[in-house]
Amino acid sequence: MAWNEPGGNNQDPWGGGNKGNNQGPPDLDEAFRKFQQTLKGIFGGKGGSTGGNNNRGGSGAAGTRGLWAGIVVIALLAYVWNAIYVVDEKERAVILRFGKYTETVGPGLRMYFPPIETRYLKPVTQINTYRLSQSMLTEDENIVEVAMSVQYNITSLEDYVLKDSNPEQSLKEATQSALRHVVGSSEMHKVLTEGREVLGDEVKIRLQDYLNEYGTGLNIVKVNIESSQPPRQVLTAFDDVIRAREEEQQEKNKAEAYANQVVPEARGDAQRIIEEANGYKEEVVSRAKGDASRFDQLLTEYQKAPGVTRERLYLETMQDVLSATSKVMVDVKGGNNMMYLPLDKLMEGQKGRATIGGSSVHSSGATNLTQDEIGTIADHVTAEINRRVSNSRAGRTSR
């Protein structure tokens, strides 16, 4: 039964005695005072003053022992409080026992034992940045000013703690060395123009090699070339040089564009000429073969009937020759003169329809006769010539 319930013994557990029907909470000051008296009793501070000398000596010894016990408890609590630590997700801790590497601990609640063990707690995923700006010589002995930034983190905390006494200082010196080596091996216009992107990659590779060789435990994430420019004293002259190079490149591009336009056309023309020459070659060869075959066939026919073949060849040749001319030469059998009939001149100047010997011919300022019309004209001309010759012979006979 509780002390403050009805029917209870009304005994205050805080030492307040029987308080009757008072059911209120205990006084805090009084409770604190009683707690202090309890501590004094534990450390030997409680004792009557009426006892003898032996009683006072025993109380003093007990008080000393209690004081030392309290000091030990407080020291132990302080030691434990200092030994317990928390490793965050982005951190790692290296533990050394008597100066020798023991382990690398990950995230969580951890504890170590100083001074036997030593703890090194560092963020390993955090990206740190180091910036550098230097003036240096290029391969062609020009001065350039390069500003860059290096982003890095810790990949091996063990190497970071044990193998290098000052990894940050090693990073600074290695960065300067790598940058000077790369810039010193490049020409000025590459460093200032198209070579800037390659410059950052080369510095990163060389810098990482240096840090690995030093054993710093650092990893280079990115090297950014923020700016590269000549000294301010010659900046104007350098701008003129850059402008001239840009104009040179522009003219080269124009020339290449023109060449890309002209060369294919020239190649096309050349190919066309080659194809035409091949076609002409095939035509000549084929015609020659055809002529040779025709000659062989004519030879066979000539051997069979020489007279007929000669006559036919003569007629075909004359037909080919005279069919392409507008002039007619008439040789009258038994006559003394050969008549020349310029049909083109006879037909020239006539317009409309003209009737010659019952045959109609169309003319519009130019001779445009068919083979039949020419034959008709020739027949009429021949008949007229024969008539005149006959008349001439008859006159001679009568005389």
Protein backbone atom coordinates (compact mmCIF):
# COMPACT_ATOMS: atom_id res chain seq x y z
CA MET A 1 0.00 0.00 0.00
CA ALA A 2 1.38 3.43 -0.94
CA TRP A 3 2.37 5.75 1.87
CA ASN A 4 0.01 8.50 0.77
CA GLU A 5 -3.05 6.34 0.10
CA PRO A 6 -5.93 6.21 2.63
CA GLY A 7 -5.13 3.73 5.29
CA GLY A 8 -1.43 3.90 4.58
CA ASN A 9 1.28 4.50 7.10
CA ASN A 10 1.68 8.12 6.00
CA GLN A 11 5.45 7.66 6.01
CA ASP A 12 7.18 10.09 3.61
CA PRO A 13 9.83 8.17 1.62
CA TRP A 14 11.84 11.42 1.45
CA GLY A 15 12.26 11.34 5.22
CA GLY A 16 9.55 13.87 5.99
CA GLY A 17 7.98 11.72 8.74
CA ASN A 18 4.30 11.54 9.42
CA LYS A 19 2.73 14.61 7.89
CA GLY A 20 -0.78 13.72 8.77
CA ASN A 21 -3.31 14.33 6.09
CA ASN A 22 -0.94 16.49 3.96
CA GLN A 23 -0.92 14.74 0.56
CA GLY A 24 1.13 17.42 -1.35
CA PRO A 25 4.42 16.74 -3.18
CA PRO A 26 7.68 16.78 -1.21
CA ASP A 27 9.71 19.98 -0.94
CA LEU A 28 12.52 19.99 -3.57
CA ASP A 29 14.91 21.97 -1.40
CA GLU A 30 14.47 19.50 1.38
CA ALA A 31 14.93 16.57 -0.99
CA PHE A 32 18.16 18.10 -2.34
CA ARG A 33 19.41 18.70 1.16
CA LYS A 34 18.77 15.09 2.12
CA PHE A 35 20.62 13.95 -1.02
CA GLN A 36 23.65 16.01 0.03
CA GLN A 37 23.57 14.42 3.48
CA THR A 38 23.47 10.98 1.86
CA LEU A 39 26.58 11.81 -0.20
CA LYS A 40 28.34 13.04 2.89
CA GLY A 41 27.49 9.75 4.57
CA ILE A 42 28.99 7.83 1.64
CA PHE A 43 32.24 9.84 1.73
CA GLY A 44 32.46 9.72 5.54
CA GLY A 45 31.40 13.31 6.20
CA LYS A 46 28.60 12.35 8.60
CA GLY A 47 29.59 11.89 12.25
CA GLY A 48 28.77 13.17 15.71
CA SER A 49 30.92 15.77 17.33
CA THR A 50 30.49 14.32 20.77
CA GLY A 51 32.63 11.24 20.11
CA GLY A 52 36.19 10.79 21.36
CA ASN A 53 39.47 11.20 19.52
CA ASN A 54 39.36 7.70 18.07
CA ASN A 55 35.93 8.40 16.64
CA ARG A 56 37.16 11.59 14.97
CA GLY A 57 40.23 9.80 13.48
CA GLY A 58 38.06 7.06 11.99
CA SER A 59 35.70 9.59 10.49
CA GLY A 60 38.65 11.50 8.88
CA ALA A 61 40.11 8.36 7.26
CA ALA A 62 36.72 7.33 5.94
CA GLY A 63 36.21 10.83 4.49
CA THR A 64 39.58 10.71 2.70
CA ARG A 65 38.83 7.33 1.20
CA GLY A 66 35.44 8.56 0.03
CA LEU A 67 37.00 11.68 -1.54
CA TRP A 68 39.50 9.61 -3.48
CA ALA A 69 36.77 7.24 -4.60
CA GLY A 70 34.75 10.17 -5.92
CA ILE A 71 37.75 11.53 -7.79
CA VAL A 72 38.32 8.13 -9.38
CA VAL A 73 34.67 7.87 -10.43
CA ILE A 74 34.71 11.36 -11.95
CA ALA A 75 38.00 10.66 -13.76
CA LEU A 76 36.63 7.40 -15.08
CA LEU A 77 33.51 9.12 -16.35
CA ALA A 78 35.62 11.83 -18.01
CA TYR A 79 37.87 9.19 -19.63
CA VAL A 80 34.92 7.27 -21.01
CA TRP A 81 33.30 10.49 -22.24
CA ASN A 82 36.48 11.46 -24.07
CA ALA A 83 37.09 7.96 -25.49
CA ILE A 84 33.70 7.62 -27.11
CA TYR A 85 33.28 9.35 -30.47
CA VAL A 86 31.02 9.25 -33.53
CA VAL A 87 32.25 8.72 -37.10
CA ASP A 88 30.01 10.38 -39.67
CA GLU A 89 29.12 8.92 -43.08
CA LYS A 90 31.57 11.18 -44.89
CA GLU A 91 34.37 10.53 -42.39
CA ARG A 92 36.84 7.78 -41.59
CA ALA A 93 39.10 7.33 -38.55
CA VAL A 94 42.57 5.85 -38.29
CA ILE A 95 43.57 4.30 -34.96
CA LEU A 96 47.22 4.06 -33.92
CA ARG A 97 48.19 1.92 -30.95
CA PHE A 98 51.56 2.93 -29.47
CA GLY A 99 52.19 4.81 -32.73
CA LYS A 100 51.56 1.76 -34.96
CA TYR A 101 48.70 1.55 -37.41
CA THR A 102 45.89 -0.64 -36.10
CA GLU A 103 42.78 -0.11 -38.22
CA THR A 104 40.63 2.27 -40.20
CA VAL A 105 37.12 2.48 -38.80
CA GLY A 106 33.96 3.42 -40.68
CA PRO A 107 30.79 5.28 -39.70
CA GLY A 108 29.16 4.62 -36.34
CA LEU A 109 29.65 5.02 -32.59
CA ARG A 110 33.28 4.17 -31.78
CA MET A 111 35.60 4.08 -28.82
CA TYR A 112 39.37 4.14 -28.42
CA PHE A 113 41.71 4.10 -25.44
CA PRO A 114 43.98 7.11 -25.04
CA PRO A 115 46.87 7.53 -24.44
CA ILE A 116 47.55 3.99 -25.58
CA GLU A 117 45.74 4.69 -28.82
CA THR A 118 45.66 7.79 -31.01
CA ARG A 119 42.75 8.73 -33.22
CA TYR A 120 42.83 10.67 -36.54
CA LEU A 121 39.38 11.59 -37.85
CA LYS A 122 39.12 13.15 -41.32
CA PRO A 123 36.35 13.69 -43.95
CA VAL A 124 37.23 11.52 -46.96
CA THR A 125 34.34 12.32 -49.34
CA GLN A 126 34.52 16.09 -49.00
CA ILE A 127 35.84 17.84 -52.13
CA ASN A 128 38.49 20.42 -51.27
CA THR A 129 39.78 23.12 -53.60
CA TYR A 130 43.26 24.57 -53.97
CA ARG A 131 43.81 27.59 -56.26
CA LEU A 132 47.07 28.60 -57.86
CA SER A 133 48.13 31.52 -60.06
CA GLN A 134 51.63 31.60 -61.53
CA SER A 135 53.68 33.34 -64.23
CA MET A 136 55.93 30.98 -66.14
CA LEU A 137 57.87 30.47 -69.38
CA THR A 138 56.57 28.49 -72.32
CA GLU A 139 58.55 26.34 -74.73
CA ASP A 140 59.02 29.26 -77.13
CA GLU A 141 60.33 31.45 -74.26
CA ASN A 142 57.25 33.58 -73.75
CA ILE A 143 55.75 34.51 -70.39
CA VAL A 144 52.16 33.53 -69.61
CA GLU A 145 50.03 33.93 -66.51
CA VAL A 146 47.99 30.83 -65.66
CA ALA A 147 45.30 30.65 -62.96
CA MET A 148 43.99 27.21 -62.07
CA SER A 149 42.06 25.35 -59.38
CA VAL A 150 42.58 21.79 -58.16
CA GLN A 151 39.71 19.79 -56.66
CA TYR A 152 40.76 16.83 -54.53
CA ASN A 153 39.69 14.48 -51.75
CA ILE A 154 41.22 11.82 -49.49
CA THR A 155 41.16 8.28 -50.82
CA SER A 156 43.59 6.59 -48.42
CA LEU A 157 43.41 8.00 -44.91
CA GLU A 158 46.15 5.62 -43.80
CA ASP A 159 48.62 7.09 -46.32
CA TYR A 160 47.39 10.59 -45.55
CA VAL A 161 48.20 10.13 -41.84
CA LEU A 162 51.29 7.94 -41.89
CA LYS A 163 53.26 8.40 -45.14
CA ASP A 164 53.32 12.19 -45.43
CA SER A 165 53.75 14.60 -42.57
CA ASN A 166 52.08 17.47 -44.44
CA PRO A 167 50.00 16.28 -47.43
CA GLU A 168 48.51 19.72 -48.09
CA GLN A 169 51.94 21.28 -48.53
CA SER A 170 52.99 18.40 -50.75
CA LEU A 171 49.90 19.07 -52.88
CA LYS A 172 50.82 22.73 -53.33
CA GLU A 173 54.41 22.00 -54.33
CA ALA A 174 53.42 19.15 -56.65
CA THR A 175 50.80 21.37 -58.34
CA GLN A 176 53.36 24.05 -59.11
CA SER A 177 55.82 21.48 -60.44
CA ALA A 178 53.24 19.77 -62.68
CA LEU A 179 51.93 23.06 -64.06
CA ARG A 180 55.39 24.41 -64.83
CA HIS A 181 56.40 21.18 -66.54
CA VAL A 182 53.33 21.10 -68.80
CA VAL A 183 53.39 24.81 -69.66
CA GLY A 184 57.14 24.70 -70.22
CA SER A 185 56.64 21.91 -72.77
CA SER A 186 53.97 23.80 -74.76
CA GLU A 187 54.02 26.80 -77.06
CA MET A 188 52.42 30.05 -76.05
CA HIS A 189 49.56 30.10 -78.55
CA LYS A 190 48.50 26.57 -77.51
CA VAL A 191 48.44 27.52 -73.85
CA LEU A 192 46.36 30.61 -74.58
CA THR A 193 43.97 29.23 -77.20
CA GLU A 194 43.02 25.70 -78.22
CA GLY A 195 45.52 23.97 -75.90
CA ARG A 196 43.85 25.04 -72.64
CA GLU A 197 41.57 22.00 -72.45
CA VAL A 198 44.45 19.61 -73.04
CA LEU A 199 46.57 21.56 -70.54
CA GLY A 200 44.20 20.78 -67.65
CA ASP A 201 44.15 17.05 -68.45
CA GLU A 202 47.92 16.83 -68.69
CA VAL A 203 48.39 18.68 -65.39
CA LYS A 204 45.90 16.36 -63.68
CA ILE A 205 47.69 13.20 -64.85
CA ARG A 206 51.13 14.45 -63.88
CA LEU A 207 49.95 15.83 -60.53
CA GLN A 208 48.28 12.52 -59.63
CA ASP A 209 51.51 10.67 -60.43
CA TYR A 210 53.43 12.99 -58.11
CA LEU A 211 50.96 12.56 -55.24
CA ASN A 212 50.95 8.78 -55.62
CA GLU A 213 54.73 8.76 -55.55
CA TYR A 214 54.78 10.90 -52.39
CA GLY A 215 52.17 8.66 -50.75
CA THR A 216 49.86 11.51 -49.74
CA GLY A 217 46.64 9.49 -50.05
CA LEU A 218 45.03 12.32 -52.06
CA ASN A 219 43.00 11.90 -55.24
CA ILE A 220 42.72 14.64 -57.89
CA VAL A 221 39.11 14.96 -58.99
CA LYS A 222 39.39 17.85 -61.45
CA VAL A 223 41.89 20.43 -62.66
CA ASN A 224 40.33 23.60 -64.07
CA ILE A 225 42.37 26.12 -66.05
CA GLU A 226 40.45 29.24 -65.10
CA SER A 227 42.45 31.71 -67.17
CA SER A 228 45.62 31.92 -69.25
CA GLN A 229 46.82 35.20 -70.65
CA PRO A 230 50.03 37.01 -71.54
CA PRO A 231 51.45 39.70 -69.27
CA ARG A 232 49.43 42.90 -69.18
CA GLN A 233 52.30 44.89 -70.70
CA VAL A 234 52.05 43.01 -74.03
CA LEU A 235 48.34 42.20 -74.00
CA THR A 236 47.49 44.65 -76.83
CA ALA A 237 50.17 43.30 -79.15
CA PHE A 238 49.12 39.77 -78.37
CA ASP A 239 45.51 40.58 -79.25
CA ASP A 240 46.72 41.79 -82.64
CA VAL A 241 48.58 38.53 -83.16
CA ILE A 242 45.50 36.51 -82.22
CA ARG A 243 43.37 38.55 -84.60
CA ALA A 244 45.83 37.99 -87.43
CA ARG A 245 45.83 34.25 -86.79
CA GLU A 246 42.05 34.19 -86.80
CA GLU A 247 42.00 36.00 -90.15
CA GLU A 248 44.58 33.53 -91.46
CA GLN A 249 42.41 30.62 -90.37
CA GLN A 250 39.36 32.26 -91.95
CA GLU A 251 41.14 32.62 -95.29
CA LYS A 252 42.25 29.00 -95.08
CA ASN A 253 38.67 27.93 -94.49
CA LYS A 254 37.51 29.93 -97.51
CA ALA A 255 40.22 28.38 -99.67
CA GLU A 256 39.29 24.89 -98.49
CA ALA A 257 35.62 25.58 -99.22
CA TYR A 258 36.49 26.77 -102.73
CA ALA A 259 38.71 23.74 -103.27
CA ASN A 260 35.93 21.45 -102.09
CA GLN A 261 33.65 23.06 -104.66
CA VAL A 262 36.03 23.17 -107.64
CA VAL A 263 37.81 19.85 -107.25
CA PRO A 264 34.65 17.69 -107.48
CA GLU A 265 33.54 19.63 -110.57
CA ALA A 266 36.94 19.16 -112.19
CA ARG A 267 36.88 15.47 -111.35
CA GLY A 268 33.39 15.22 -112.85
CA ASP A 269 34.50 16.95 -116.05
CA ALA A 270 37.53 14.71 -116.26
CA GLN A 271 35.40 11.64 -115.81
CA ARG A 272 32.96 12.89 -118.46
CA ILE A 273 35.80 13.43 -120.93
CA ILE A 274 37.14 9.98 -120.18
CA GLU A 275 33.72 8.45 -120.76
CA GLU A 276 33.30 10.37 -124.03
CA ALA A 277 36.74 9.22 -125.14
CA ASN A 278 35.86 5.64 -124.26
CA GLY A 279 32.60 5.97 -126.18
CA TYR A 280 34.38 7.42 -129.20
CA LYS A 281 36.93 4.65 -128.99
CA GLU A 282 34.22 2.02 -128.95
CA GLU A 283 32.46 3.73 -131.85
CA VAL A 284 35.60 3.88 -134.02
CA VAL A 285 36.59 0.34 -133.22
CA SER A 286 33.08 -0.93 -133.92
CA ARG A 287 32.89 1.02 -137.19
CA ALA A 288 36.28 -0.30 -138.21
CA LYS A 289 35.21 -3.84 -137.44
CA GLY A 290 31.99 -3.28 -139.38
CA ASP A 291 33.88 -1.86 -142.36
CA ALA A 292 36.29 -4.77 -142.28
CA SER A 293 33.40 -7.22 -142.16
CA ARG A 294 31.64 -5.38 -145.03
CA PHE A 295 34.85 -5.43 -147.08
CA ASP A 296 35.16 -9.18 -146.54
CA GLN A 297 31.57 -9.66 -147.69
CA LEU A 298 32.13 -7.40 -150.76
CA LEU A 299 35.26 -9.31 -151.58
CA THR A 300 33.33 -12.54 -151.57
CA GLU A 301 30.67 -11.05 -153.88
CA TYR A 302 33.31 -9.46 -156.12
CA GLN A 303 35.03 -12.78 -156.57
CA LYS A 304 31.69 -14.24 -157.67
CA ALA A 305 30.71 -11.39 -160.11
CA PRO A 306 33.34 -8.66 -160.55
CA GLY A 307 31.54 -6.57 -163.17
CA VAL A 308 28.23 -6.41 -161.39
CA THR A 309 29.89 -5.67 -158.08
CA ARG A 310 31.94 -2.79 -159.55
CA GLU A 311 28.85 -1.28 -161.14
CA ARG A 312 26.87 -1.53 -157.94
CA LEU A 313 29.68 0.01 -155.90
CA TYR A 314 29.99 2.86 -158.41
CA LEU A 315 26.29 3.62 -158.30
CA GLU A 316 26.14 3.50 -154.52
CA THR A 317 29.15 5.79 -154.26
CA MET A 318 27.72 8.33 -156.69
CA GLN A 319 24.39 8.20 -154.91
CA ASP A 320 26.07 8.94 -151.59
CA VAL A 321 28.09 11.77 -153.06
CA LEU A 322 25.36 13.45 -155.08
CA SER A 323 22.60 13.06 -152.49
CA ALA A 324 24.32 15.57 -150.26
CA THR A 325 24.74 18.32 -152.88
CA SER A 326 22.36 20.80 -154.46
CA LYS A 327 24.39 21.11 -157.68
CA VAL A 328 23.96 18.87 -160.71
CA MET A 329 26.56 18.22 -163.46
CA VAL A 330 24.95 16.99 -166.69
CA ASP A 331 27.10 15.21 -169.31
CA VAL A 332 25.11 14.83 -172.50
CA LYS A 333 26.04 11.79 -174.50
CA GLY A 334 27.36 12.89 -177.87
CA GLY A 335 27.65 16.49 -176.76
CA ASN A 336 30.75 18.55 -176.45
CA ASN A 337 29.95 20.49 -173.28
CA MET A 338 29.16 19.52 -169.72
CA MET A 339 26.35 21.55 -168.23
CA TYR A 340 26.37 22.74 -164.63
CA LEU A 341 22.96 23.22 -163.02
CA PRO A 342 23.04 25.14 -159.72
CA LEU A 343 19.70 24.04 -158.32
CA ASP A 344 20.18 26.00 -155.14
CA LYS A 345 20.63 29.21 -157.14
CA LEU A 346 17.67 28.40 -159.35
CA MET A 347 15.39 27.94 -156.39
CA GLU A 348 16.75 30.84 -154.38
CA GLY A 349 14.55 33.92 -154.24
CA GLN A 350 11.36 32.13 -155.28
CA LYS A 351 8.51 32.30 -152.85
CA GLY A 352 5.26 30.50 -152.60
CA ARG A 353 4.65 27.64 -154.96
CA ALA A 354 6.61 27.29 -158.23
CA THR A 355 5.69 24.82 -160.95
CA ILE A 356 8.47 23.24 -162.96
CA GLY A 357 7.36 20.86 -165.67
CA GLY A 358 4.06 20.12 -163.95
CA SER A 359 5.74 19.48 -160.56
CA SER A 360 5.07 21.84 -157.71
CA VAL A 361 7.89 22.95 -155.39
CA HIS A 362 7.55 24.90 -152.12
CA SER A 363 10.10 27.65 -151.51
CA SER A 364 10.43 30.22 -148.73
CA GLY A 365 13.72 31.87 -149.42
CA ALA A 366 15.71 28.64 -149.14
CA THR A 367 15.91 25.42 -151.11
CA ASN A 368 14.16 22.62 -149.36
CA LEU A 369 13.72 19.86 -152.03
CA THR A 370 13.07 16.22 -151.56
CA GLN A 371 14.89 13.49 -153.46
CA ASP A 372 11.89 12.89 -155.75
CA GLU A 373 11.59 16.58 -156.59
CA ILE A 374 15.26 16.79 -157.44
CA GLY A 375 14.88 13.70 -159.67
CA THR A 376 11.91 15.24 -161.45
CA ILE A 377 13.80 18.47 -162.06
CA ALA A 378 16.80 16.52 -163.32
CA ASP A 379 14.60 14.54 -165.73
CA HIS A 380 13.04 17.73 -167.18
CA VAL A 381 16.45 19.33 -167.50
CA THR A 382 17.83 16.26 -169.26
CA ALA A 383 14.89 16.16 -171.66
CA GLU A 384 15.36 19.82 -172.46
CA ILE A 385 19.06 19.31 -173.10
CA ASN A 386 18.40 16.35 -175.36
CA ARG A 387 15.87 18.38 -177.32
CA ARG A 388 18.35 21.22 -177.83
CA VAL A 389 21.10 18.83 -178.85
CA SER A 390 18.79 17.18 -181.36
CA ASN A 391 17.86 20.54 -182.83
CA SER A 392 21.51 21.45 -183.06
CA ARG A 393 22.39 18.23 -184.93
CA ALA A 394 19.47 18.70 -187.30
CA GLY A 395 20.70 22.16 -188.19
CA ARG A 396 24.17 20.88 -188.98
CA THR A 397 22.76 18.13 -191.23
CA SER A 398 20.66 20.54 -193.24
CA ARG A 399 23.67 22.70 -193.94
